[in-house]
């Protein structure tokens, strides 16, 4: 099913160059990813993400029990990896519309070797 999101202001919330662990086990997200859905006392939370083709994906964000602090994307993440043919060194960027009451999320993929759009702030990348 294709979902078209209206043009919305968006905020880049995660940018990650993929590792073998991200591809095989789950995408590690830093603990400061505050604009991702909250756990609200649970150990995981499901949320929907739209890709650039308008396809809706459902990911499961889980709290990491060991290792680096943060969380891991699972659930539909592995299907996304396989279908998009992601590899080590590819980059994914998650965006949010920034709304607290009705958040929506988008994911973009950049193949290894493709320039990723840079965020410039006060003249610095």
N, C-alpha and C. Protein backbone atom coordinates (compact mmCIF):
# COMPACT_ATOMS: atom_id res chain seq x y z
N UNK A 1 0.85 -1.17 0.00
CA UNK A 1 0.00 0.00 0.00
C UNK A 1 0.89 1.24 0.00
N UNK A 2 0.53 2.20 -0.83
CA UNK A 2 1.29 3.44 -0.91
C UNK A 2 0.62 4.52 -0.09
N UNK A 3 1.42 5.23 0.67
CA UNK A 3 0.93 6.34 1.50
C UNK A 3 1.67 7.59 1.09
N UNK A 4 0.95 8.61 0.73
CA UNK A 4 1.57 9.87 0.37
C UNK A 4 1.41 10.83 1.54
N UNK A 5 2.53 11.28 2.04
CA UNK A 5 2.49 12.25 3.13
C UNK A 5 2.40 13.65 2.55
N UNK A 6 1.57 14.49 3.13
CA UNK A 6 1.57 15.87 2.67
C UNK A 6 2.93 16.49 2.94
N UNK A 7 3.32 17.46 2.12
CA UNK A 7 4.60 18.15 2.34
C UNK A 7 4.57 18.74 3.74
N UNK A 8 5.54 18.41 4.54
CA UNK A 8 5.53 18.85 5.92
C UNK A 8 6.92 19.32 6.30
N UNK A 9 6.98 20.24 7.25
CA UNK A 9 8.31 20.54 7.79
C UNK A 9 8.82 19.28 8.47
N UNK A 10 10.08 19.00 8.33
CA UNK A 10 10.59 17.79 8.94
C UNK A 10 11.93 18.05 9.59
N UNK A 11 12.20 17.23 10.58
CA UNK A 11 13.43 17.33 11.35
C UNK A 11 14.19 16.02 11.21
N UNK A 12 15.46 16.11 10.92
CA UNK A 12 16.31 14.92 10.84
C UNK A 12 16.56 14.46 12.27
N UNK A 13 16.15 13.22 12.58
CA UNK A 13 16.30 12.76 13.96
C UNK A 13 17.38 11.69 14.12
N UNK A 14 17.64 10.92 13.07
CA UNK A 14 18.72 9.93 13.11
C UNK A 14 19.35 9.87 11.73
N UNK A 15 20.67 9.87 11.70
CA UNK A 15 21.41 9.58 10.47
C UNK A 15 22.45 8.55 10.84
N UNK A 16 22.45 7.41 10.14
CA UNK A 16 23.34 6.32 10.54
C UNK A 16 23.92 5.62 9.33
N UNK A 17 25.24 5.50 9.30
CA UNK A 17 25.91 4.67 8.30
C UNK A 17 25.83 3.24 8.79
N UNK A 18 25.30 2.35 7.99
CA UNK A 18 24.97 1.00 8.44
C UNK A 18 26.20 0.11 8.58
N UNK A 19 26.17 -0.69 9.65
CA UNK A 19 27.20 -1.69 9.93
C UNK A 19 26.59 -3.08 9.74
N UNK A 20 27.43 -4.10 9.79
CA UNK A 20 26.93 -5.48 9.68
C UNK A 20 25.93 -5.77 10.79
N UNK A 21 26.18 -5.29 11.99
CA UNK A 21 25.26 -5.52 13.11
C UNK A 21 23.91 -4.86 12.85
N UNK A 22 23.92 -3.62 12.32
CA UNK A 22 22.67 -2.93 11.99
C UNK A 22 21.85 -3.76 11.00
N UNK A 23 22.52 -4.35 10.04
CA UNK A 23 21.83 -5.09 8.99
C UNK A 23 21.33 -6.46 9.46
N UNK A 24 22.10 -7.11 10.31
CA UNK A 24 21.78 -8.48 10.70
C UNK A 24 20.97 -8.59 11.98
N UNK A 25 21.21 -7.71 12.94
CA UNK A 25 20.58 -7.82 14.26
C UNK A 25 19.50 -6.77 14.49
N UNK A 26 19.71 -5.56 14.03
CA UNK A 26 18.78 -4.47 14.25
C UNK A 26 19.52 -3.15 14.23
N UNK A 27 18.84 -2.09 13.88
CA UNK A 27 19.46 -0.78 13.77
C UNK A 27 19.60 -0.15 15.14
N UNK A 28 20.85 0.09 15.57
CA UNK A 28 21.10 0.74 16.85
C UNK A 28 20.76 2.22 16.72
N UNK A 29 20.03 2.75 17.70
CA UNK A 29 19.66 4.17 17.76
C UNK A 29 20.25 4.76 19.02
N UNK A 30 20.86 5.93 18.93
CA UNK A 30 21.45 6.54 20.12
C UNK A 30 20.38 6.87 21.16
N UNK A 31 20.80 6.92 22.41
CA UNK A 31 19.85 7.17 23.50
C UNK A 31 19.27 8.57 23.45
N UNK A 32 19.90 9.49 22.70
CA UNK A 32 19.39 10.86 22.62
C UNK A 32 18.41 11.05 21.45
N UNK A 33 17.87 9.96 20.91
CA UNK A 33 16.89 10.02 19.82
C UNK A 33 15.53 10.36 20.41
N UNK A 34 15.42 11.56 20.95
CA UNK A 34 14.24 11.93 21.73
C UNK A 34 12.98 12.13 20.91
N UNK A 35 13.10 12.30 19.59
CA UNK A 35 11.90 12.51 18.79
C UNK A 35 11.31 11.21 18.25
N UNK A 36 11.94 10.08 18.57
CA UNK A 36 11.33 8.79 18.26
C UNK A 36 10.22 8.53 19.27
N UNK A 37 9.29 7.63 18.96
CA UNK A 37 8.21 7.35 19.92
C UNK A 37 8.74 6.94 21.29
N UNK A 38 8.06 7.41 22.32
CA UNK A 38 8.46 7.12 23.70
C UNK A 38 8.05 5.70 24.10
N UNK A 39 8.79 5.13 25.05
CA UNK A 39 8.49 3.79 25.56
C UNK A 39 7.33 3.80 26.56
N UNK A 40 7.15 4.89 27.28
CA UNK A 40 6.07 5.01 28.27
C UNK A 40 6.00 3.81 29.22
N UNK A 41 7.15 3.43 29.77
CA UNK A 41 7.21 2.35 30.74
C UNK A 41 7.31 0.95 30.14
N UNK A 42 7.21 0.83 28.83
CA UNK A 42 7.34 -0.47 28.17
C UNK A 42 8.77 -0.69 27.70
N UNK A 43 9.09 -1.92 27.30
CA UNK A 43 10.44 -2.20 26.81
C UNK A 43 10.53 -2.06 25.29
N UNK A 44 9.37 -1.87 24.63
CA UNK A 44 9.40 -1.66 23.18
C UNK A 44 8.18 -0.83 22.78
N UNK A 45 8.27 -0.25 21.58
CA UNK A 45 7.16 0.53 21.03
C UNK A 45 7.17 0.34 19.51
N UNK A 46 6.00 0.09 18.95
CA UNK A 46 5.87 -0.04 17.50
C UNK A 46 5.49 1.31 16.91
N UNK A 47 6.03 1.61 15.73
CA UNK A 47 5.65 2.84 15.05
C UNK A 47 5.80 2.66 13.55
N UNK A 48 5.10 3.50 12.81
CA UNK A 48 5.07 3.41 11.36
C UNK A 48 5.98 4.46 10.74
N UNK A 49 6.63 4.05 9.63
CA UNK A 49 7.56 4.90 8.90
C UNK A 49 7.23 4.79 7.42
N UNK A 50 7.25 5.92 6.71
CA UNK A 50 7.00 5.93 5.27
C UNK A 50 8.33 6.10 4.56
N UNK A 51 8.57 5.28 3.51
CA UNK A 51 9.80 5.44 2.73
C UNK A 51 9.56 6.43 1.59
N UNK A 52 10.57 6.68 0.78
CA UNK A 52 10.48 7.68 -0.28
C UNK A 52 9.55 7.26 -1.42
N UNK A 53 9.19 5.99 -1.47
CA UNK A 53 8.25 5.50 -2.47
C UNK A 53 6.82 5.53 -1.95
N UNK A 54 6.64 5.97 -0.71
CA UNK A 54 5.31 6.05 -0.12
C UNK A 54 4.85 4.77 0.55
N UNK A 55 5.74 3.79 0.69
CA UNK A 55 5.38 2.53 1.33
C UNK A 55 5.47 2.66 2.85
N UNK A 56 4.49 2.11 3.53
CA UNK A 56 4.43 2.17 4.98
C UNK A 56 5.10 0.94 5.58
N UNK A 57 6.00 1.16 6.52
CA UNK A 57 6.72 0.09 7.22
C UNK A 57 6.41 0.22 8.71
N UNK A 58 6.37 -0.91 9.40
CA UNK A 58 6.18 -0.88 10.84
C UNK A 58 7.43 -1.43 11.52
N UNK A 59 8.08 -0.58 12.31
CA UNK A 59 9.28 -0.96 13.04
C UNK A 59 8.95 -1.10 14.51
N UNK A 60 9.75 -1.88 15.19
CA UNK A 60 9.62 -2.08 16.63
C UNK A 60 10.90 -1.57 17.27
N UNK A 61 10.78 -0.52 18.07
CA UNK A 61 11.94 0.05 18.77
C UNK A 61 12.00 -0.58 20.15
N UNK A 62 13.13 -1.23 20.45
CA UNK A 62 13.30 -1.96 21.72
C UNK A 62 14.44 -1.33 22.53
N UNK A 63 14.29 -1.34 23.84
CA UNK A 63 15.36 -0.88 24.73
C UNK A 63 16.47 -1.92 24.73
N UNK A 64 17.71 -1.45 24.60
CA UNK A 64 18.86 -2.36 24.69
C UNK A 64 19.12 -2.69 26.15
N UNK A 65 19.29 -3.93 26.44
CA UNK A 65 19.55 -4.38 27.81
C UNK A 65 21.05 -4.38 28.13
N UNK A 66 21.89 -4.58 27.10
CA UNK A 66 23.33 -4.64 27.31
C UNK A 66 24.03 -3.83 26.22
N UNK A 67 25.32 -3.61 26.39
CA UNK A 67 26.09 -2.90 25.37
C UNK A 67 25.88 -1.40 25.42
N UNK A 68 26.00 -0.77 24.26
CA UNK A 68 25.84 0.69 24.17
C UNK A 68 24.45 1.09 24.61
N UNK A 69 24.34 2.20 25.35
CA UNK A 69 23.01 2.67 25.72
C UNK A 69 22.25 3.11 24.46
N UNK A 70 20.97 2.96 24.49
CA UNK A 70 20.15 3.35 23.35
C UNK A 70 19.08 2.31 23.11
N UNK A 71 18.62 2.28 21.88
CA UNK A 71 17.57 1.33 21.51
C UNK A 71 17.92 0.70 20.16
N UNK A 72 17.15 -0.31 19.80
CA UNK A 72 17.38 -1.04 18.56
C UNK A 72 16.07 -1.13 17.80
N UNK A 73 16.13 -0.89 16.48
CA UNK A 73 14.96 -1.09 15.61
C UNK A 73 14.94 -2.55 15.20
N UNK A 74 13.78 -3.14 15.39
CA UNK A 74 13.60 -4.53 14.97
C UNK A 74 12.27 -4.62 14.25
N UNK A 75 11.59 -5.74 14.38
CA UNK A 75 10.30 -5.89 13.72
C UNK A 75 10.48 -5.84 12.22
N UNK A 76 9.84 -4.90 11.56
CA UNK A 76 9.90 -4.77 10.11
C UNK A 76 11.23 -4.29 9.57
N UNK A 77 12.18 -3.96 10.47
CA UNK A 77 13.48 -3.47 10.03
C UNK A 77 14.18 -4.47 9.11
N UNK A 78 14.20 -5.76 9.49
CA UNK A 78 14.89 -6.77 8.67
C UNK A 78 14.24 -6.89 7.29
N UNK A 79 12.92 -6.84 7.21
CA UNK A 79 12.24 -6.89 5.91
C UNK A 79 12.63 -5.67 5.08
N UNK A 80 12.73 -4.52 5.72
CA UNK A 80 13.14 -3.29 5.04
C UNK A 80 14.55 -3.45 4.48
N UNK A 81 15.47 -3.98 5.28
CA UNK A 81 16.86 -4.20 4.87
C UNK A 81 16.92 -5.09 3.64
N UNK A 82 16.18 -6.20 3.68
CA UNK A 82 16.21 -7.16 2.57
C UNK A 82 15.58 -6.55 1.31
N UNK A 83 14.41 -5.96 1.46
CA UNK A 83 13.72 -5.43 0.29
C UNK A 83 14.48 -4.28 -0.37
N UNK A 84 15.09 -3.43 0.44
CA UNK A 84 15.84 -2.28 -0.10
C UNK A 84 17.27 -2.67 -0.48
N UNK A 85 17.65 -3.93 -0.21
CA UNK A 85 18.99 -4.43 -0.53
C UNK A 85 20.09 -3.55 0.08
N UNK A 86 19.90 -3.25 1.36
CA UNK A 86 20.86 -2.40 2.06
C UNK A 86 22.14 -3.16 2.33
N UNK A 87 23.25 -2.43 2.36
CA UNK A 87 24.54 -3.04 2.61
C UNK A 87 25.36 -2.21 3.57
N UNK A 88 26.48 -2.77 4.00
CA UNK A 88 27.39 -2.07 4.89
C UNK A 88 27.85 -0.79 4.21
N UNK A 89 27.78 0.32 4.95
CA UNK A 89 28.21 1.61 4.42
C UNK A 89 27.08 2.44 3.83
N UNK A 90 25.91 1.83 3.58
CA UNK A 90 24.76 2.62 3.17
C UNK A 90 24.34 3.49 4.35
N UNK A 91 23.63 4.57 4.07
CA UNK A 91 23.19 5.49 5.13
C UNK A 91 21.67 5.58 5.14
N UNK A 92 21.08 5.53 6.34
CA UNK A 92 19.65 5.78 6.49
C UNK A 92 19.47 7.05 7.31
N UNK A 93 18.44 7.80 6.94
CA UNK A 93 18.09 9.01 7.69
C UNK A 93 16.62 8.93 8.04
N UNK A 94 16.31 9.08 9.32
CA UNK A 94 14.94 9.16 9.79
C UNK A 94 14.59 10.62 9.99
N UNK A 95 13.38 10.98 9.56
CA UNK A 95 12.85 12.33 9.74
C UNK A 95 11.56 12.25 10.53
N UNK A 96 11.24 13.31 11.24
CA UNK A 96 9.98 13.44 11.95
C UNK A 96 9.35 14.76 11.59
N UNK A 97 8.01 14.81 11.65
CA UNK A 97 7.34 16.10 11.43
C UNK A 97 7.40 16.96 12.68
N UNK A 98 7.90 16.39 13.78
CA UNK A 98 8.11 17.17 15.00
C UNK A 98 6.86 17.41 15.83
N UNK A 99 5.73 16.89 15.40
CA UNK A 99 4.49 17.10 16.16
C UNK A 99 4.42 16.11 17.32
N UNK A 100 4.10 16.61 18.49
CA UNK A 100 3.97 15.75 19.68
C UNK A 100 2.67 14.96 19.64
N UNK A 101 1.57 15.61 19.25
CA UNK A 101 0.26 14.98 19.32
C UNK A 101 0.04 13.96 18.20
N UNK A 102 0.58 14.22 17.01
CA UNK A 102 0.33 13.34 15.87
C UNK A 102 1.62 13.21 15.05
N UNK A 103 2.63 12.52 15.60
CA UNK A 103 3.90 12.43 14.89
C UNK A 103 3.82 11.53 13.66
N UNK A 104 4.60 11.85 12.64
CA UNK A 104 4.77 10.95 11.50
C UNK A 104 6.26 10.89 11.19
N UNK A 105 6.68 9.77 10.62
CA UNK A 105 8.10 9.51 10.40
C UNK A 105 8.34 9.10 8.96
N UNK A 106 9.51 9.47 8.46
CA UNK A 106 9.92 9.14 7.10
C UNK A 106 11.34 8.59 7.16
N UNK A 107 11.67 7.68 6.25
CA UNK A 107 13.03 7.14 6.16
C UNK A 107 13.52 7.29 4.73
N UNK A 108 14.77 7.71 4.61
CA UNK A 108 15.43 7.80 3.31
C UNK A 108 16.71 6.98 3.36
N UNK A 109 17.03 6.37 2.22
CA UNK A 109 18.22 5.52 2.11
C UNK A 109 19.17 6.13 1.09
N UNK A 110 20.45 6.15 1.42
CA UNK A 110 21.48 6.62 0.51
C UNK A 110 22.52 5.51 0.38
N UNK A 111 22.71 5.03 -0.85
CA UNK A 111 23.66 3.94 -1.09
C UNK A 111 25.08 4.41 -0.81
N UNK A 112 25.92 3.46 -0.45
CA UNK A 112 27.33 3.73 -0.19
C UNK A 112 27.90 4.48 -1.40
N UNK A 113 28.63 5.54 -1.15
CA UNK A 113 29.25 6.30 -2.23
C UNK A 113 28.40 7.46 -2.74
N UNK A 114 27.13 7.52 -2.35
CA UNK A 114 26.26 8.62 -2.75
C UNK A 114 26.35 9.71 -1.68
N UNK A 115 26.46 10.94 -2.12
CA UNK A 115 26.54 12.05 -1.17
C UNK A 115 25.25 12.17 -0.38
N UNK A 116 25.38 12.20 0.93
CA UNK A 116 24.24 12.37 1.83
C UNK A 116 24.06 13.88 2.05
N UNK A 117 22.81 14.39 1.95
CA UNK A 117 22.62 15.81 2.20
C UNK A 117 23.15 16.19 3.58
N UNK A 118 23.91 17.27 3.63
CA UNK A 118 24.49 17.70 4.90
C UNK A 118 23.61 18.75 5.55
N UNK A 119 23.64 18.73 6.84
CA UNK A 119 22.94 19.72 7.63
C UNK A 119 23.96 20.79 8.01
N UNK A 120 23.68 22.04 7.62
CA UNK A 120 24.60 23.12 7.96
C UNK A 120 23.97 24.02 9.00
N UNK A 121 24.75 24.33 10.03
CA UNK A 121 24.31 25.20 11.10
C UNK A 121 25.42 26.19 11.40
N UNK A 122 25.10 27.44 11.26
CA UNK A 122 26.08 28.50 11.51
C UNK A 122 27.37 28.31 10.71
N UNK A 123 27.20 27.86 9.46
CA UNK A 123 28.34 27.71 8.56
C UNK A 123 29.14 26.45 8.74
N UNK A 124 28.69 25.52 9.59
CA UNK A 124 29.41 24.26 9.83
C UNK A 124 28.51 23.08 9.50
N UNK A 125 29.12 22.02 8.93
CA UNK A 125 28.37 20.79 8.66
C UNK A 125 28.11 20.07 9.97
